Amino acid sequence: NPLIITYTIWLKEKENFSNTQLFKRVTDVAEINSFTDTSPYALLYVYRPGKITNSLGNYLLYFDDIVMCVAKNNSGYIFKILKEGNFNIKSKLYKDESSISLNIKYGNFYFVKSMIHWGIYSNLYNFKLEIIQMDKDPGKIEFEKIKKK
C-alpha cells in the first residue's frame, strides 16, 4: 500500500466564490428605517428581558450553530438575515439548551425572546433556558424596553 500524495498549485486566484455569510449585525438605525417588504434580507430581533434572578448568567445564542451574540440580562440585538430558508436559533449554557426553528423569508422581520428561568431542574443546575418566537406587536413592545447593543 504505497502512500500517494498530490498537490494542487494555483496559477491565478479563483474568480468565483460563494457568499456563505448568513447574518450581519445591524448597528446603524438608517438600515432599519430603510427596511421594506421588498428588501433582499430579513430582520431578526433577538433579546433577553431583564430579570433579577439569574441576571449574571450570560449565555451564547447560535444561528445554525454559528455564534451570534452573548445574551446578557436586559440586552437586545438586531441582525440582517442574508439567506432564506429554515434555520435554528439556539441558546446554550453548560449542558442546557433550548432551540426553535424559523422559516426566514426576505422582507419579513422576526422577534426571538431568550430567557433563563430559576428553579430546581436537575441535580447540577438551578436554571432552565427557554427561547421562543414572539408575535410582532408584543415582541416589538418588549424589545423597545431593553438596552440595545
Protein backbone atom coordinates (compact mmCIF):
# COMPACT_ATOMS: atom_id res chain seq x y z
CA ASN A 1 0.00 0.00 0.00
CA PRO A 2 2.15 2.87 -1.19
CA LEU A 3 1.23 6.34 0.07
CA ILE A 4 0.27 8.69 -2.75
CA ILE A 5 0.24 12.43 -2.14
CA THR A 6 -0.94 15.03 -4.62
CA TYR A 7 -0.52 18.77 -4.51
CA THR A 8 -2.56 21.45 -6.21
CA ILE A 9 -0.87 24.58 -7.47
CA TRP A 10 -3.00 27.60 -8.33
CA LEU A 11 -1.58 29.80 -11.06
CA LYS A 12 -4.14 32.55 -10.52
CA GLU A 13 -6.73 33.41 -7.90
CA LYS A 14 -10.10 31.77 -8.02
CA GLU A 15 -12.57 34.23 -9.52
CA ASN A 16 -15.80 32.64 -8.34
CA PHE A 17 -16.56 32.38 -4.68
CA SER A 18 -19.77 31.80 -2.79
CA ASN A 19 -21.20 34.08 -0.16
CA THR A 20 -21.64 31.92 2.92
CA GLN A 21 -22.44 34.71 5.36
CA LEU A 22 -25.81 34.02 6.97
CA PHE A 23 -26.29 37.12 9.09
CA LYS A 24 -24.86 40.54 9.81
CA ARG A 25 -25.35 42.65 12.92
CA VAL A 26 -27.19 45.94 12.40
CA THR A 27 -25.66 48.88 14.22
CA ASP A 28 -26.98 51.78 12.11
CA VAL A 29 -30.58 52.92 12.64
CA ALA A 30 -30.72 54.02 8.98
CA GLU A 31 -30.54 50.35 7.94
CA ILE A 32 -33.64 49.60 9.98
CA ASN A 33 -35.52 52.65 8.70
CA SER A 34 -34.81 51.72 5.07
CA PHE A 35 -36.16 48.17 5.53
CA THR A 36 -39.21 47.31 3.36
CA ASP A 37 -41.09 44.18 2.41
CA THR A 38 -39.04 44.05 -0.82
CA SER A 39 -35.63 44.18 0.92
CA PRO A 40 -33.25 41.35 -0.06
CA TYR A 41 -32.85 40.32 3.58
CA ALA A 42 -34.92 39.74 6.73
CA LEU A 43 -34.53 41.43 10.11
CA LEU A 44 -34.15 39.37 13.26
CA TYR A 45 -34.57 40.97 16.68
CA VAL A 46 -33.16 38.81 19.49
CA TYR A 47 -33.45 39.90 23.09
CA ARG A 48 -33.28 38.81 26.68
CA PRO A 49 -35.56 40.71 29.08
CA GLY A 50 -34.18 41.99 32.37
CA LYS A 51 -34.73 39.86 35.47
CA ILE A 52 -33.16 39.88 38.91
CA THR A 53 -32.91 36.10 39.24
CA ASN A 54 -30.01 34.63 37.26
CA SER A 55 -29.18 38.10 35.94
CA LEU A 56 -25.45 37.33 35.91
CA GLY A 57 -25.86 34.12 33.92
CA ASN A 58 -24.78 35.11 30.40
CA TYR A 59 -25.02 32.54 27.63
CA LEU A 60 -24.47 32.25 23.89
CA LEU A 61 -27.08 32.42 21.14
CA TYR A 62 -26.42 30.47 17.95
CA PHE A 63 -27.82 30.86 14.44
CA ASP A 64 -27.46 27.48 12.71
CA ASP A 65 -24.58 26.57 15.06
CA ILE A 66 -22.74 29.84 14.40
CA VAL A 67 -22.31 32.07 17.45
CA MET A 68 -24.50 35.12 17.04
CA CYS A 69 -24.17 37.01 20.32
CA VAL A 70 -23.97 36.79 24.09
CA ALA A 71 -27.37 37.01 25.76
CA LYS A 72 -26.83 39.28 28.73
CA ASN A 73 -29.51 40.37 31.15
CA ASN A 74 -31.68 43.13 29.63
CA SER A 75 -29.97 43.13 26.22
CA GLY A 76 -31.07 43.02 22.59
CA TYR A 77 -29.54 42.79 19.13
CA ILE A 78 -30.75 43.30 15.58
CA PHE A 79 -29.43 41.20 12.70
CA LYS A 80 -29.87 41.17 8.94
CA ILE A 81 -30.53 37.60 7.82
CA LEU A 82 -28.96 37.27 4.38
CA LYS A 83 -30.35 33.87 3.34
CA GLU A 84 -33.86 32.47 3.10
CA GLY A 85 -34.85 29.08 4.46
CA ASN A 86 -35.28 27.15 7.69
CA PHE A 87 -32.76 28.00 10.40
CA ASN A 88 -32.33 27.01 14.03
CA ILE A 89 -31.75 29.53 16.76
CA LYS A 90 -30.35 28.02 19.92
CA SER A 91 -29.37 29.19 23.39
CA LYS A 92 -26.83 27.15 25.31
CA LEU A 93 -25.36 27.35 28.79
CA TYR A 94 -23.31 24.40 30.04
CA LYS A 95 -25.32 21.31 29.08
CA ASP A 96 -28.72 23.00 28.99
CA GLU A 97 -30.02 24.32 25.69
CA SER A 98 -33.21 25.46 24.04
CA SER A 99 -33.89 25.98 20.34
CA ILE A 100 -36.51 27.00 17.82
CA SER A 101 -36.76 26.74 14.06
CA LEU A 102 -37.56 29.80 11.95
CA ASN A 103 -38.60 29.83 8.30
CA ILE A 104 -36.89 33.05 7.18
CA LYS A 105 -38.32 34.95 4.21
CA TYR A 106 -36.90 38.18 2.77
CA GLY A 107 -38.81 41.33 3.64
CA ASN A 108 -40.07 39.96 6.96
CA PHE A 109 -38.93 40.59 10.48
CA TYR A 110 -38.83 38.20 13.41
CA PHE A 111 -38.70 38.64 17.18
CA VAL A 112 -36.98 35.97 19.28
CA LYS A 113 -37.07 36.13 23.06
CA SER A 114 -34.50 34.22 25.08
CA MET A 115 -34.92 33.67 28.81
CA ILE A 116 -33.31 31.92 31.73
CA HIS A 117 -35.60 30.65 34.50
CA TRP A 118 -34.55 29.98 38.05
CA GLY A 119 -35.66 26.78 39.76
CA ILE A 120 -34.57 23.28 40.62
CA TYR A 121 -34.41 21.47 37.30
CA SER A 122 -31.63 18.91 37.84
CA ASN A 123 -29.00 17.88 40.34
CA LEU A 124 -26.43 20.09 38.62
CA TYR A 125 -28.19 23.32 37.62
CA ASN A 126 -30.70 25.69 39.14
CA PHE A 127 -31.78 27.19 35.81
CA LYS A 128 -33.56 26.31 32.60
CA LEU A 129 -33.14 28.10 29.25
CA GLU A 130 -36.10 28.97 27.07
CA ILE A 131 -36.22 30.53 23.61
CA ILE A 132 -39.46 31.45 21.82
CA GLN A 133 -40.59 33.33 18.75
CA MET A 134 -42.74 36.31 19.64
CA ASP A 135 -45.57 37.82 17.63
CA LYS A 136 -44.88 41.21 16.07
CA ASP A 137 -46.68 43.55 18.49
CA PRO A 138 -45.69 42.05 21.87
CA GLY A 139 -42.17 41.39 20.59
CA LYS A 140 -41.76 44.99 19.45
CA ILE A 141 -43.04 46.37 22.76
CA GLU A 142 -40.70 44.15 24.80
CA PHE A 143 -37.72 44.85 22.53
CA GLU A 144 -38.17 48.62 22.90
CA LYS A 145 -37.89 48.27 26.71
CA ILE A 146 -34.44 46.66 26.73
CA LYS A 147 -30.93 48.02 26.14
CA LYS A 148 -29.85 47.63 22.52
CA LYS A 149 -26.27 46.51 21.97
